[in-house]
């Protein structure tokens, strides 16, 4: 009898696999153009079925027209142009969780950041060290604003902060730039134009490098931020950690990701340690910094929040939460809840996601190109705030001068604010 049951289960599983595979085989194979068109057919059929509500912003008619237009242009486009077209179509959904994810083959050896005064190089290799901390003003003669206008439609976003967060990551991707005709050939040099701290303008011919293998690319900074850097830049590999600033009686928590992590210790132990510290030490100000938190599971710090609700520290001049454009998904839901349930003051920048938003993401692959398409499965609504971002009570943007001089104007503001 057991043998019959096992055989039956195997038969059912085999049938389901064949059924699923059979549904996708119609989208496989053919020449280069046929494969791209089949991928677009698959995207056109799959995304509306899988997304929680794909047409909350873009109309179904426009979505289908955009895909049909791209299909009709495939024969005359290179691969990067087609991929950028897919980025644009998925980005037009208007949901920060619904986006295309691609494994890139080449990269320019830079890291950029969008400060309040423009896009600047924050890391590079020794060969191009003169560009470090310099403002990027052109690529191949095209000014940065024009480039931003070309790239912004490719970015799955809910607000301007998302564009400022993602754009720097596209600026060192030759394939992305090739798809919007900013570079002509990903294997040839591109001319990057910079402005240094003395307002001197200079060009660098930059060769892209292979990023599909470990080529031991040695960046100057390489995300190594020691104690000379502001707290928010330190220990980026830990999901949560804390430090007591004894001079100012500030208990500072850096909350980098909403997930438990072995390296950071058990969340329950972390919670107990924080609450015990508050009970047994003089804490004038309590700070939770989640400006760089991209998501995970919400309510991970709920026990800490519950523990301080009846504490005198739960006061607008004593309890502070830092948010920024790196705050996305679950920590935004936490921020909404904390704003309603505590007396915290929120400081920093607008978040890259909405207070109420589509999320709980899953993904699928396009059959031929293997591009990953991520999509939202639920609508997360916690409040009546339908604005594009969670806005802090006090907006403070970081400048290139702050960065170069290793200053954190956000934490400086909190420390300098009078306590009750």
Protein backbone atom coordinates (compact mmCIF):
# COMPACT_ATOMS: atom_id res chain seq x y z
CA UNK A 1 0.00 0.00 0.00
CA UNK A 2 2.81 2.39 0.93
CA UNK A 3 4.50 1.60 -2.36
CA UNK A 4 1.34 2.48 -4.28
CA UNK A 5 1.02 5.77 -2.39
CA UNK A 6 4.66 6.65 -3.16
CA UNK A 7 4.18 5.83 -6.84
CA UNK A 8 1.03 7.94 -6.93
CA UNK A 9 2.80 10.91 -5.32
CA UNK A 10 5.68 10.62 -7.79
CA UNK A 11 3.20 10.49 -10.67
CA UNK A 12 1.38 13.60 -9.45
CA UNK A 13 4.64 15.53 -8.95
CA UNK A 14 5.88 14.49 -12.39
CA UNK A 15 2.57 15.56 -13.92
CA UNK A 16 2.73 18.96 -12.22
CA UNK A 17 6.32 19.52 -13.37
CA UNK A 18 5.42 18.57 -16.94
CA UNK A 19 2.35 20.78 -16.80
CA UNK A 20 4.35 23.77 -15.56
CA UNK A 21 7.18 23.13 -18.01
CA UNK A 22 4.72 22.67 -20.83
CA UNK A 23 3.25 26.10 -20.15
CA UNK A 24 6.69 27.66 -20.62
CA UNK A 25 8.05 25.64 -23.56
CA UNK A 26 5.98 27.71 -25.97
CA UNK A 27 8.15 30.66 -24.94
CA UNK A 28 11.49 28.90 -25.51
CA UNK A 29 13.80 28.69 -28.49
CA UNK A 30 14.12 30.26 -31.90
CA UNK A 31 16.65 32.75 -33.21
CA UNK A 32 17.80 35.78 -31.29
CA UNK A 33 14.85 37.98 -32.26
CA UNK A 34 12.30 35.23 -31.66
CA UNK A 35 13.69 34.60 -28.16
CA UNK A 36 13.34 38.26 -27.20
CA UNK A 37 9.79 38.40 -28.55
CA UNK A 38 8.88 35.25 -26.62
CA UNK A 39 10.34 36.74 -23.45
CA UNK A 40 8.19 39.82 -23.97
CA UNK A 41 5.14 37.62 -24.59
CA UNK A 42 5.87 35.82 -21.34
CA UNK A 43 6.28 39.10 -19.44
CA UNK A 44 3.02 40.37 -20.93
CA UNK A 45 1.16 37.26 -19.79
CA UNK A 46 2.83 36.58 -16.44
CA UNK A 47 3.26 39.94 -14.72
CA UNK A 48 -0.44 40.95 -14.66
CA UNK A 49 -1.38 37.53 -13.26
CA UNK A 50 1.29 37.47 -10.58
CA UNK A 51 1.28 41.09 -9.35
CA UNK A 52 -1.20 42.04 -6.62
CA UNK A 53 -2.62 44.87 -8.72
CA UNK A 54 -0.42 45.68 -11.69
CA UNK A 55 -2.58 48.42 -13.13
CA UNK A 56 -2.94 50.68 -10.11
CA UNK A 57 -0.95 53.40 -11.91
CA UNK A 58 -0.31 52.44 -15.53
CA UNK A 59 -3.33 51.35 -17.60
CA UNK A 60 -3.56 47.85 -19.00
CA UNK A 61 -3.83 49.36 -22.49
CA UNK A 62 -0.61 51.34 -22.06
CA UNK A 63 1.24 48.36 -20.59
CA UNK A 64 0.27 46.16 -23.56
CA UNK A 65 1.06 48.92 -26.06
CA UNK A 66 4.53 49.44 -24.58
CA UNK A 67 5.30 45.73 -24.79
CA UNK A 68 3.91 45.42 -28.31
CA UNK A 69 5.94 48.46 -29.43
CA UNK A 70 9.11 46.93 -28.00
CA UNK A 71 8.36 43.57 -29.65
CA UNK A 72 7.89 45.30 -33.00
CA UNK A 73 11.27 47.04 -32.56
CA UNK A 74 13.31 44.00 -31.49
CA UNK A 75 14.73 43.37 -34.98
CA UNK A 76 16.28 46.85 -35.03
CA UNK A 77 17.58 47.04 -31.45
CA UNK A 78 20.68 45.65 -29.76
CA UNK A 79 20.34 43.52 -26.63
CA UNK A 80 21.08 46.38 -24.23
CA UNK A 81 18.43 48.55 -25.84
CA UNK A 82 15.88 45.76 -25.45
CA UNK A 83 16.83 45.17 -21.82
CA UNK A 84 16.59 48.88 -21.05
CA UNK A 85 13.19 48.81 -22.74
CA UNK A 86 12.10 46.03 -20.40
CA UNK A 87 13.45 48.00 -17.43
CA UNK A 88 11.35 50.96 -18.59
CA UNK A 89 8.15 48.94 -19.01
CA UNK A 90 8.44 47.29 -15.59
CA UNK A 91 9.52 50.59 -14.03
CA UNK A 92 6.38 52.28 -15.37
CA UNK A 93 4.28 50.14 -13.01
CA UNK A 94 5.19 52.65 -10.27
CA UNK A 95 5.95 50.10 -7.56
CA UNK A 96 9.40 50.13 -5.98
CA UNK A 97 9.31 46.37 -5.35
CA UNK A 98 8.41 45.53 -8.97
CA UNK A 99 11.59 45.72 -11.01
CA UNK A 100 14.04 43.94 -13.30
CA UNK A 101 17.22 42.42 -11.88
CA UNK A 102 20.12 41.68 -14.22
CA UNK A 103 23.57 40.17 -13.80
CA UNK A 104 25.91 42.65 -15.44
CA UNK A 105 29.01 41.58 -17.34
CA UNK A 106 31.03 44.79 -17.19
CA UNK A 107 31.48 47.76 -14.90
CA UNK A 108 33.31 51.07 -14.73
CA UNK A 109 35.50 51.04 -11.57
CA UNK A 110 33.56 53.70 -9.67
CA UNK A 111 31.06 54.09 -6.88
CA UNK A 112 28.92 57.22 -6.91
CA UNK A 113 26.57 58.87 -4.44
CA UNK A 114 23.88 61.50 -4.97
CA UNK A 115 24.58 64.21 -2.37
CA UNK A 116 22.44 67.30 -1.99
CA UNK A 117 24.90 69.16 -4.21
CA UNK A 118 25.15 66.55 -6.98
CA UNK A 119 26.60 63.15 -7.91
CA UNK A 120 30.11 62.52 -6.60
CA UNK A 121 32.66 59.72 -6.77
CA UNK A 122 32.98 58.05 -3.36
CA UNK A 123 35.25 55.19 -4.45
CA UNK A 124 37.42 54.12 -7.37
CA UNK A 125 40.67 52.35 -8.12
CA UNK A 126 44.11 53.90 -7.67
CA UNK A 127 44.45 54.56 -11.42
CA UNK A 128 41.59 57.06 -11.25
CA UNK A 129 42.16 58.36 -7.73
CA UNK A 130 42.11 62.00 -8.87
CA UNK A 131 38.34 61.54 -9.39
CA UNK A 132 37.76 60.60 -5.75
CA UNK A 133 35.32 63.02 -4.07
CA UNK A 134 34.88 64.88 -7.37
CA UNK A 135 31.57 65.82 -8.94
CA UNK A 136 30.50 63.88 -12.04
CA UNK A 137 29.25 66.38 -14.62
CA UNK A 138 29.34 64.50 -17.96
CA UNK A 139 29.72 61.09 -19.57
CA UNK A 140 30.82 61.10 -23.22
CA UNK A 141 29.95 64.78 -23.44
CA UNK A 142 26.39 64.37 -22.16
CA UNK A 143 25.66 66.38 -19.03
CA UNK A 144 24.52 64.62 -15.87
CA UNK A 145 21.01 66.12 -15.93
CA UNK A 146 20.41 64.83 -19.45
CA UNK A 147 21.71 61.42 -18.38
CA UNK A 148 19.42 61.44 -15.34
CA UNK A 149 16.45 62.20 -17.60
CA UNK A 150 17.33 59.22 -19.79
CA UNK A 151 17.89 56.80 -16.95
CA UNK A 152 15.06 57.79 -14.59
CA UNK A 153 12.33 55.98 -16.59
CA UNK A 154 14.30 52.74 -16.18
CA UNK A 155 14.18 52.98 -12.40
CA UNK A 156 11.30 51.27 -10.59
CA UNK A 157 10.34 54.03 -8.22
CA UNK A 158 7.65 55.57 -6.09
CA UNK A 159 9.33 58.94 -5.60
CA UNK A 160 12.31 61.16 -6.36
CA UNK A 161 14.37 59.69 -3.52
CA UNK A 162 14.37 56.27 -5.23
CA UNK A 163 15.83 57.82 -8.35
CA UNK A 164 18.56 59.49 -6.30
CA UNK A 165 19.26 56.15 -4.61
CA UNK A 166 19.41 54.00 -7.74
CA UNK A 167 20.79 56.39 -10.37
CA UNK A 168 24.38 56.29 -9.02
CA UNK A 169 24.36 52.50 -9.46
CA UNK A 170 23.41 52.83 -13.14
CA UNK A 171 26.12 55.39 -13.90
CA UNK A 172 28.91 52.81 -13.69
CA UNK A 173 27.04 50.14 -15.71
CA UNK A 174 28.20 50.19 -19.37
CA UNK A 175 25.33 47.95 -20.49
CA UNK A 176 22.69 50.26 -19.04
CA UNK A 177 24.40 53.32 -20.55
CA UNK A 178 24.76 51.53 -23.89
CA UNK A 179 21.04 50.78 -23.98
CA UNK A 180 20.16 54.49 -23.80
CA UNK A 181 22.93 55.54 -26.21
CA UNK A 182 25.19 57.25 -23.68
CA UNK A 183 28.07 54.92 -24.60
CA UNK A 184 28.55 53.41 -28.07
CA UNK A 185 30.53 50.31 -27.10
CA UNK A 186 30.81 48.75 -23.65
CA UNK A 187 34.30 47.44 -24.43
CA UNK A 188 35.73 50.82 -25.41
CA UNK A 189 36.77 53.74 -23.23
CA UNK A 190 34.14 56.18 -22.05
CA UNK A 191 34.99 59.79 -21.25
CA UNK A 192 33.95 60.78 -17.72
CA UNK A 193 34.11 64.50 -16.97
CA UNK A 194 34.61 65.60 -13.36
CA UNK A 195 34.83 68.81 -11.38
CA UNK A 196 37.23 68.77 -8.45
CA UNK A 197 36.98 70.60 -5.14
CA UNK A 198 38.70 73.65 -6.65
CA UNK A 199 36.15 73.75 -9.50
CA UNK A 200 38.73 72.49 -12.00
CA UNK A 201 37.11 70.43 -14.76
CA UNK A 202 38.96 67.43 -16.20
CA UNK A 203 38.29 64.33 -18.33
CA UNK A 204 39.27 60.73 -17.69
CA UNK A 205 39.17 57.97 -20.30
CA UNK A 206 37.70 55.03 -18.42
CA UNK A 207 38.00 51.41 -19.50
CA UNK A 208 35.24 49.08 -18.32
CA UNK A 209 36.26 45.91 -16.49
CA UNK A 210 34.88 42.39 -16.46
CA UNK A 211 32.68 41.93 -13.39
CA UNK A 212 31.59 38.34 -14.05
CA UNK A 213 34.71 36.93 -12.40
CA UNK A 214 36.77 37.86 -9.38
CA UNK A 215 39.35 40.10 -11.03
CA UNK A 216 40.63 41.38 -7.69
CA UNK A 217 39.55 44.95 -8.40
CA UNK A 218 41.12 46.97 -5.61
CA UNK A 219 38.97 49.97 -4.73
CA UNK A 220 40.63 52.63 -2.62
CA UNK A 221 37.99 52.74 0.14
CA UNK A 222 36.26 49.39 -0.47
CA UNK A 223 33.57 50.06 2.16
CA UNK A 224 36.16 49.97 4.91
CA UNK A 225 35.00 52.70 7.29
CA UNK A 226 36.94 52.77 10.53
CA UNK A 227 36.18 54.75 13.71
CA UNK A 228 37.31 57.99 12.07
CA UNK A 229 34.12 57.91 9.99
CA UNK A 230 30.63 58.85 11.25
CA UNK A 231 28.77 56.14 13.13
CA UNK A 232 26.23 55.60 10.37
CA UNK A 233 29.02 54.46 8.02
CA UNK A 234 30.60 52.00 10.46
CA UNK A 235 29.82 48.28 10.86
CA UNK A 236 27.74 48.11 7.68
CA UNK A 237 28.05 44.31 7.76
CA UNK A 238 26.01 44.09 10.97
CA UNK A 239 22.20 44.19 10.81
CA UNK A 240 22.04 45.89 14.22
CA UNK A 241 24.52 47.22 16.74
CA UNK A 242 24.72 49.99 19.31
CA UNK A 243 27.10 52.41 20.95
CA UNK A 244 26.83 54.64 24.00
CA UNK A 245 28.18 58.14 23.51
CA UNK A 246 29.13 58.78 27.11
CA UNK A 247 30.00 62.45 26.76
CA UNK A 248 26.56 63.33 25.36
CA UNK A 249 24.65 60.53 27.15
CA UNK A 250 23.31 59.27 23.81
CA UNK A 251 22.42 55.63 23.21
CA UNK A 252 22.74 55.07 19.46
CA UNK A 253 21.36 52.01 17.63
CA UNK A 254 22.27 51.43 13.98
CA UNK A 255 19.52 49.33 12.42
CA UNK A 256 20.82 48.21 8.99
CA UNK A 257 18.42 45.38 8.11
CA UNK A 258 15.17 44.00 9.50
CA UNK A 259 16.40 40.43 9.93
CA UNK A 260 18.07 38.48 12.71
CA UNK A 261 21.74 37.84 12.04
CA UNK A 262 24.19 35.46 13.70
CA UNK A 263 27.03 37.99 13.48
CA UNK A 264 24.93 40.61 15.30
CA UNK A 265 23.64 38.16 17.91
CA UNK A 266 20.13 37.05 18.75
CA UNK A 267 17.58 39.82 18.53
CA UNK A 268 16.14 38.80 21.90
CA UNK A 269 19.58 39.21 23.51
CA UNK A 270 20.10 42.53 21.71
CA UNK A 271 16.70 43.75 22.92
CA UNK A 272 17.40 42.76 26.54
CA UNK A 273 20.81 44.40 26.43
CA UNK A 274 19.34 47.68 25.13
CA UNK A 275 16.52 47.78 27.69
CA UNK A 276 18.85 46.88 30.55
CA UNK A 277 21.26 49.58 29.47
CA UNK A 278 18.50 52.21 29.47
CA UNK A 279 17.36 51.08 32.93
CA UNK A 280 20.83 51.14 34.46
CA UNK A 281 22.56 54.08 32.81
CA UNK A 282 21.95 57.77 32.25
CA UNK A 283 20.50 58.06 28.75
CA UNK A 284 19.45 61.57 27.77
CA UNK A 285 18.79 60.69 24.16
CA UNK A 286 17.88 57.44 22.46
CA UNK A 287 18.49 57.18 18.71
CA UNK A 288 17.45 54.48 16.24
CA UNK A 289 19.20 55.06 12.92
CA UNK A 290 17.68 53.18 10.00
CA UNK A 291 18.64 55.52 7.16
CA UNK A 292 20.37 52.63 5.33
CA UNK A 293 17.82 49.88 6.06
CA UNK A 294 16.49 48.33 2.81
CA UNK A 295 13.94 45.99 4.40
CA UNK A 296 13.27 42.53 5.77
CA UNK A 297 10.59 41.74 8.35
CA UNK A 298 8.74 44.42 10.24
CA UNK A 299 8.38 44.68 14.03
CA UNK A 300 11.83 43.23 14.74
CA UNK A 301 12.50 45.99 17.28
CA UNK A 302 8.96 45.88 18.64
CA UNK A 303 10.09 44.70 22.10
CA UNK A 304 12.42 47.69 22.41
CA UNK A 305 9.67 50.09 21.39
CA UNK A 306 7.24 48.51 23.86
CA UNK A 307 9.93 48.71 26.54
CA UNK A 308 10.41 52.47 26.22
CA UNK A 309 6.80 53.56 25.70
CA UNK A 310 6.31 54.26 29.39
CA UNK A 311 9.85 55.52 29.90
CA UNK A 312 10.57 59.22 30.26
CA UNK A 313 12.82 58.86 27.22
CA UNK A 314 9.71 58.51 25.05
CA UNK A 315 9.68 62.24 24.41
CA UNK A 316 10.12 64.34 21.27
CA UNK A 317 13.37 65.80 22.63
CA UNK A 318 14.78 62.50 23.85
CA UNK A 319 13.74 59.79 21.39
CA UNK A 320 14.84 60.15 17.77
CA UNK A 321 14.50 57.98 14.68
CA UNK A 322 16.71 58.64 11.65
CA UNK A 323 15.34 57.78 8.19
CA UNK A 324 16.64 58.42 4.67
CA UNK A 325 16.45 57.40 1.06
CA UNK A 326 18.00 54.05 2.00
CA UNK A 327 14.97 53.34 4.22
CA UNK A 328 12.68 51.09 2.21
CA UNK A 329 9.89 48.55 2.70
CA UNK A 330 9.66 47.03 6.22
CA UNK A 331 11.44 49.86 8.12
CA UNK A 332 8.97 52.33 6.59
CA UNK A 333 6.14 50.27 8.07
CA UNK A 334 8.01 50.37 11.39
CA UNK A 335 8.41 54.14 11.11
CA UNK A 336 4.68 54.59 10.45
CA UNK A 337 3.85 52.50 13.51
CA UNK A 338 6.38 54.28 15.75
CA UNK A 339 5.08 57.68 14.68
CA UNK A 340 1.58 56.63 15.76
CA UNK A 341 2.55 54.85 18.97
CA UNK A 342 5.45 56.90 20.37
CA UNK A 343 6.55 60.50 20.74
CA UNK A 344 9.67 60.06 18.61
CA UNK A 345 11.07 62.86 16.47
CA UNK A 346 12.01 61.72 12.97
CA UNK A 347 15.11 63.26 11.41
CA UNK A 348 16.91 62.83 8.08
CA UNK A 349 15.61 62.56 4.53
CA UNK A 350 12.44 61.35 2.84
CA UNK A 351 12.32 57.57 2.34
CA UNK A 352 12.54 55.83 -1.03
CA UNK A 353 9.20 54.11 -0.48
CA UNK A 354 5.68 55.16 0.40
CA UNK A 355 4.11 54.75 3.86
CA UNK A 356 1.42 52.60 2.19
CA UNK A 357 2.91 50.53 -0.61
CA UNK A 358 2.91 47.31 -2.60
CA UNK A 359 5.39 44.75 -1.31
CA UNK A 360 6.03 41.17 -0.09
CA UNK A 361 7.99 40.52 -3.26
CA UNK A 362 8.45 37.34 -5.28
CA UNK A 363 10.15 36.85 -8.63
CA UNK A 364 10.23 34.90 -11.88
CA UNK A 365 12.67 34.55 -14.78
CA UNK A 366 12.09 35.38 -18.40
CA UNK A 367 12.56 32.01 -20.18
CA UNK A 368 15.29 32.90 -22.67
CA UNK A 369 17.22 35.91 -21.38
CA UNK A 370 16.96 34.72 -17.75
CA UNK A 371 16.31 38.28 -16.63
CA UNK A 372 14.74 38.25 -13.16
CA UNK A 373 11.47 40.12 -12.74
CA UNK A 374 10.53 40.90 -9.15
CA UNK A 375 6.92 41.75 -8.35
CA UNK A 376 4.69 42.63 -5.39
CA UNK A 377 2.14 40.18 -4.03
CA UNK A 378 0.42 42.35 -1.39
CA UNK A 379 -0.62 45.91 -0.67
CA UNK A 380 0.63 47.07 2.72
CA UNK A 381 -1.62 49.78 4.14
CA UNK A 382 -1.07 50.95 7.71
CA UNK A 383 -2.19 54.57 7.77
CA UNK A 384 -4.07 57.38 6.05
CA UNK A 385 -0.84 58.90 4.73
CA UNK A 386 -0.93 58.44 0.94
CA UNK A 387 2.12 60.62 0.25
CA UNK A 388 4.99 59.44 -1.94
CA UNK A 389 7.47 59.25 0.96
CA UNK A 390 7.58 58.95 4.71
CA UNK A 391 8.69 62.46 5.60
CA UNK A 392 10.80 63.15 8.69
CA UNK A 393 9.90 65.98 11.05
CA UNK A 394 13.28 67.58 10.45
CA UNK A 395 14.82 67.27 6.97
CA UNK A 396 18.62 67.27 6.86
CA UNK A 397 20.52 66.34 3.69
CA UNK A 398 24.16 65.30 3.63
CA UNK A 399 26.53 67.35 1.46
CA UNK A 400 29.81 66.37 -0.14
CA UNK A 401 31.57 68.61 2.43
CA UNK A 402 29.95 66.61 5.24
CA UNK A 403 31.13 63.40 3.63
CA UNK A 404 34.70 64.54 2.95
CA UNK A 405 35.04 66.00 6.44
CA UNK A 406 33.52 62.87 7.99
CA UNK A 407 30.61 64.73 9.55
CA UNK A 408 27.08 63.55 10.23
CA UNK A 409 24.83 66.62 10.35
CA UNK A 410 21.85 64.45 11.29
CA UNK A 411 23.34 63.06 14.48
CA UNK A 412 24.97 66.43 15.21
CA UNK A 413 21.51 68.03 15.10
CA UNK A 414 20.12 65.43 17.49
CA UNK A 415 22.99 65.81 19.96
CA UNK A 416 22.72 69.58 19.83
CA UNK A 417 18.99 69.67 20.38
CA UNK A 418 17.98 70.57 23.93
CA UNK A 419 16.63 67.72 26.08
CA UNK A 420 13.75 68.08 28.47
